[in-house]
Amino acid sequence: VTVTSPEQDPNDEIGAKNHRNFIGLYSAPTSSLEIIHGLLDRIFRACQIIPTESYGLTSLSKEEYAGLKRISRPDVCYELQANVDPLYFPGMGGDVILRKGDDVIVVGTLGVIHPEVLKKFEISYPCCVVELDLEALL
């Protein structure tokens, strides 16, 4: 399976493209990655996109997953895969993967911002962030 990123519009003469992205950030005395992860799940449910079965069953019962499957778009699902982006604390960042039939697309990232990054911006509390390409979800 090949993972691709959204491509440039071939009709665009100057190489520019207007993207509609969503960015959510949460900052508190603890990292609270579960809050950003819950936000990600809620956005996908609002778009009628459910997690892949293997990913979804890590936090949902079989009955809950079957209920979601009845109201979701066919052949569209998502999952998280670990990444090594230096923006994120090691082991606390991931790519958001959208599966549309046989297509596998990276549509965003989420994770706990690395303390060194926070230090450079003089931010004292841990931060979690999610970024999504909204156009890819529609």
C-alpha atoms as a PDB file:
ATOM      1  CA  VAL A   1       0.000   0.000   0.000  1.00  0.00           C
ATOM      2  CA  THR A   2       1.374   3.380  -0.995  1.00  0.00           C
ATOM      3  CA  VAL A   3       0.616   6.364   1.224  1.00  0.00           C
ATOM      4  CA  THR A   4       0.197   9.598  -0.697  1.00  0.00           C
ATOM      5  CA  SER A   5      -0.331  13.229   0.164  1.00  0.00           C
ATOM      6  CA  PRO A   6      -2.851  15.470  -1.596  1.00  0.00           C
ATOM      7  CA  GLU A   7      -1.514  16.416  -5.023  1.00  0.00           C
ATOM      8  CA  GLN A   8      -1.119  19.815  -6.629  1.00  0.00           C
ATOM      9  CA  ASP A   9      -3.921  20.889  -8.947  1.00  0.00           C
ATOM     10  CA  PRO A  10      -2.655  20.176 -12.520  1.00  0.00           C
ATOM     11  CA  ASN A  11      -4.719  23.098 -13.875  1.00  0.00           C
ATOM     12  CA  ASP A  12      -2.936  25.597 -11.630  1.00  0.00           C
ATOM     13  CA  GLU A  13      -0.392  27.586 -13.657  1.00  0.00           C
ATOM     14  CA  ILE A  14       1.553  29.136 -10.782  1.00  0.00           C
ATOM     15  CA  GLY A  15       1.724  26.193  -8.371  1.00  0.00           C
ATOM     16  CA  ALA A  16      -0.512  27.692  -5.674  1.00  0.00           C
ATOM     17  CA  LYS A  17      -3.373  25.827  -4.045  1.00  0.00           C
ATOM     18  CA  ASN A  18      -5.906  26.967  -1.492  1.00  0.00           C
ATOM     19  CA  HIS A  19      -6.247  24.366   1.317  1.00  0.00           C
ATOM     20  CA  ARG A  20      -8.806  24.396   4.070  1.00  0.00           C
ATOM     21  CA  ASN A  21      -7.157  22.992   7.174  1.00  0.00           C
ATOM     22  CA  PHE A  22      -8.363  22.539  10.719  1.00  0.00           C
ATOM     23  CA  ILE A  23      -5.986  22.991  13.639  1.00  0.00           C
ATOM     24  CA  GLY A  24      -6.889  22.313  17.242  1.00  0.00           C
ATOM     25  CA  LEU A  25      -4.558  22.925  20.176  1.00  0.00           C
ATOM     26  CA  TYR A  26      -5.006  22.057  23.845  1.00  0.00           C
ATOM     27  CA  SER A  27      -2.714  23.310  26.597  1.00  0.00           C
ATOM     28  CA  ALA A  28      -2.915  22.408  30.294  1.00  0.00           C
ATOM     29  CA  PRO A  29      -0.641  21.434  33.207  1.00  0.00           C
ATOM     30  CA  THR A  30      -0.626  17.864  31.804  1.00  0.00           C
ATOM     31  CA  SER A  31      -0.322  16.863  28.149  1.00  0.00           C
ATOM     32  CA  SER A  32      -3.906  15.472  27.885  1.00  0.00           C
ATOM     33  CA  LEU A  33      -3.457  13.820  24.483  1.00  0.00           C
ATOM     34  CA  GLU A  34      -6.817  12.083  25.019  1.00  0.00           C
ATOM     35  CA  ILE A  35      -8.602  15.438  24.625  1.00  0.00           C
ATOM     36  CA  ILE A  36      -7.108  16.073  21.173  1.00  0.00           C
ATOM     37  CA  HIS A  37      -7.648  12.433  20.226  1.00  0.00           C
ATOM     38  CA  GLY A  38     -11.315  12.746  21.260  1.00  0.00           C
ATOM     39  CA  LEU A  39     -11.640  15.894  19.139  1.00  0.00           C
ATOM     40  CA  LEU A  40     -10.207  14.009  16.156  1.00  0.00           C
ATOM     41  CA  ASP A  41     -12.687  11.157  16.662  1.00  0.00           C
ATOM     42  CA  ARG A  42     -15.584  13.633  16.913  1.00  0.00           C
ATOM     43  CA  ILE A  43     -14.605  15.411  13.690  1.00  0.00           C
ATOM     44  CA  PHE A  44     -14.490  12.114  11.809  1.00  0.00           C
ATOM     45  CA  ARG A  45     -17.831  10.983  13.240  1.00  0.00           C
ATOM     46  CA  ALA A  46     -19.392  14.282  12.166  1.00  0.00           C
ATOM     47  CA  CYS A  47     -18.085  13.517   8.655  1.00  0.00           C
ATOM     48  CA  GLN A  48     -19.556   9.976   8.901  1.00  0.00           C
ATOM     49  CA  ILE A  49     -16.094   8.401   8.788  1.00  0.00           C
ATOM     50  CA  ILE A  50     -15.354   5.613  11.234  1.00  0.00           C
ATOM     51  CA  PRO A  51     -12.034   4.153  12.365  1.00  0.00           C
ATOM     52  CA  THR A  52     -10.686   1.062  10.639  1.00  0.00           C
ATOM     53  CA  GLU A  53     -11.907  -2.066  12.377  1.00  0.00           C
ATOM     54  CA  SER A  54      -8.515  -2.940  13.861  1.00  0.00           C
ATOM     55  CA  TYR A  55      -8.049   0.620  15.131  1.00  0.00           C
ATOM     56  CA  GLY A  56     -11.650   1.099  16.278  1.00  0.00           C
ATOM     57  CA  LEU A  57     -11.826  -2.104  18.292  1.00  0.00           C
ATOM     58  CA  THR A  58      -8.950  -0.919  20.485  1.00  0.00           C
ATOM     59  CA  SER A  59     -11.384   1.450  22.220  1.00  0.00           C
ATOM     60  CA  LEU A  60     -14.894   0.342  21.171  1.00  0.00           C
ATOM     61  CA  SER A  61     -16.862  -2.839  21.789  1.00  0.00           C
ATOM     62  CA  LYS A  62     -17.930  -4.910  18.776  1.00  0.00           C
ATOM     63  CA  GLU A  63     -21.510  -3.701  19.287  1.00  0.00           C
ATOM     64  CA  GLU A  64     -20.474  -0.031  19.415  1.00  0.00           C
ATOM     65  CA  TYR A  65     -18.369  -0.461  16.282  1.00  0.00           C
ATOM     66  CA  ALA A  66     -21.237  -2.182  14.441  1.00  0.00           C
ATOM     67  CA  GLY A  67     -23.511   0.734  15.395  1.00  0.00           C
ATOM     68  CA  LEU A  68     -21.050   3.239  13.933  1.00  0.00           C
ATOM     69  CA  LYS A  69     -20.665   1.175  10.789  1.00  0.00           C
ATOM     70  CA  ARG A  70     -24.402   1.452  10.072  1.00  0.00           C
ATOM     71  CA  ILE A  71     -24.263   5.259   9.895  1.00  0.00           C
ATOM     72  CA  SER A  72     -20.887   5.692   8.178  1.00  0.00           C
ATOM     73  CA  ARG A  73     -19.906   6.265   4.577  1.00  0.00           C
ATOM     74  CA  PRO A  74     -19.089   2.995   2.818  1.00  0.00           C
ATOM     75  CA  ASP A  75     -15.430   2.215   2.083  1.00  0.00           C
ATOM     76  CA  VAL A  76     -14.119   5.271   3.986  1.00  0.00           C
ATOM     77  CA  CYS A  77     -12.312   4.917   7.311  1.00  0.00           C
ATOM     78  CA  TYR A  78      -9.355   6.310   9.237  1.00  0.00           C
ATOM     79  CA  GLU A  79      -6.587   5.282  11.598  1.00  0.00           C
ATOM     80  CA  LEU A  80      -3.485   6.654  13.283  1.00  0.00           C
ATOM     81  CA  GLN A  81       0.056   5.544  12.521  1.00  0.00           C
ATOM     82  CA  ALA A  82       3.079   6.483  14.598  1.00  0.00           C
ATOM     83  CA  ASN A  83       5.452   9.019  13.056  1.00  0.00           C
ATOM     84  CA  VAL A  84       8.896  10.378  13.947  1.00  0.00           C
ATOM     85  CA  ASP A  85       8.201  14.073  13.366  1.00  0.00           C
ATOM     86  CA  PRO A  86      10.591  16.071  15.629  1.00  0.00           C
ATOM     87  CA  LEU A  87       7.718  18.472  16.371  1.00  0.00           C
ATOM     88  CA  TYR A  88       6.250  15.798  18.634  1.00  0.00           C
ATOM     89  CA  PHE A  89       7.536  14.134  21.799  1.00  0.00           C
ATOM     90  CA  PRO A  90       9.016  10.720  20.824  1.00  0.00           C
ATOM     91  CA  GLY A  91       6.303   8.082  20.726  1.00  0.00           C
ATOM     92  CA  MET A  92       3.539  10.681  21.181  1.00  0.00           C
ATOM     93  CA  GLY A  93       2.885  11.770  17.587  1.00  0.00           C
ATOM     94  CA  GLY A  94       1.132  10.212  14.656  1.00  0.00           C
ATOM     95  CA  ASP A  95      -0.121  10.614  11.129  1.00  0.00           C
ATOM     96  CA  VAL A  96      -3.864  10.606  10.508  1.00  0.00           C
ATOM     97  CA  ILE A  97      -4.477   8.155   7.660  1.00  0.00           C
ATOM     98  CA  LEU A  98      -7.664   8.203   5.573  1.00  0.00           C
ATOM     99  CA  ARG A  99      -8.581   5.092   3.590  1.00  0.00           C
ATOM    100  CA  LYS A 100     -10.970   5.608   0.663  1.00  0.00           C
ATOM    101  CA  GLY A 101     -11.367   2.251  -1.027  1.00  0.00           C
ATOM    102  CA  ASP A 102      -7.838   1.321  -2.138  1.00  0.00           C
ATOM    103  CA  ASP A 103      -6.476   4.865  -1.673  1.00  0.00           C
ATOM    104  CA  VAL A 104      -4.460   5.590   1.465  1.00  0.00           C
ATOM    105  CA  ILE A 105      -3.934   9.313   2.163  1.00  0.00           C
ATOM    106  CA  VAL A 106      -2.163  11.161   4.970  1.00  0.00           C
ATOM    107  CA  VAL A 107      -4.689  13.863   5.904  1.00  0.00           C
ATOM    108  CA  GLY A 108      -3.072  15.215   9.052  1.00  0.00           C
ATOM    109  CA  THR A 109      -1.050  14.726  12.201  1.00  0.00           C
ATOM    110  CA  LEU A 110      -1.587  14.849  15.935  1.00  0.00           C
ATOM    111  CA  GLY A 111       0.499  14.571  19.051  1.00  0.00           C
ATOM    112  CA  VAL A 112       2.149  16.067  22.107  1.00  0.00           C
ATOM    113  CA  ILE A 113       4.450  18.958  21.186  1.00  0.00           C
ATOM    114  CA  HIS A 114       8.097  18.280  22.112  1.00  0.00           C
ATOM    115  CA  PRO A 115       9.290  20.253  25.175  1.00  0.00           C
ATOM    116  CA  GLU A 116      12.205  21.725  23.183  1.00  0.00           C
ATOM    117  CA  VAL A 117       9.750  23.195  20.673  1.00  0.00           C
ATOM    118  CA  LEU A 118       7.654  24.657  23.502  1.00  0.00           C
ATOM    119  CA  LYS A 119      10.787  26.096  25.104  1.00  0.00           C
ATOM    120  CA  LYS A 120      11.734  27.955  21.909  1.00  0.00           C
ATOM    121  CA  PHE A 121       8.337  29.667  21.951  1.00  0.00           C
ATOM    122  CA  GLU A 122       8.507  30.295  25.715  1.00  0.00           C
ATOM    123  CA  ILE A 123       5.416  28.153  26.362  1.00  0.00           C
ATOM    124  CA  SER A 124       5.427  26.698  29.861  1.00  0.00           C
ATOM    125  CA  TYR A 125       2.501  24.236  29.673  1.00  0.00           C
ATOM    126  CA  PRO A 126       2.449  21.016  27.641  1.00  0.00           C
ATOM    127  CA  CYS A 127       0.474  21.281  24.389  1.00  0.00           C
ATOM    128  CA  CYS A 128      -1.269  18.753  22.168  1.00  0.00           C
ATOM    129  CA  VAL A 129      -2.261  19.551  18.617  1.00  0.00           C
ATOM    130  CA  VAL A 130      -4.203  18.073  15.713  1.00  0.00           C
ATOM    131  CA  GLU A 131      -4.035  19.332  12.126  1.00  0.00           C
ATOM    132  CA  LEU A 132      -6.312  18.032   9.370  1.00  0.00           C
ATOM    133  CA  ASP A 133      -6.845  18.717   5.678  1.00  0.00           C
ATOM    134  CA  LEU A 134     -10.615  19.255   5.751  1.00  0.00           C
ATOM    135  CA  GLU A 135     -11.013  19.049   1.984  1.00  0.00           C
ATOM    136  CA  ALA A 136      -9.761  15.469   2.029  1.00  0.00           C
ATOM    137  CA  LEU A 137     -12.551  14.505   4.431  1.00  0.00           C
ATOM    138  CA  LEU A 138     -15.371  15.746   2.229  1.00  0.00           C
END
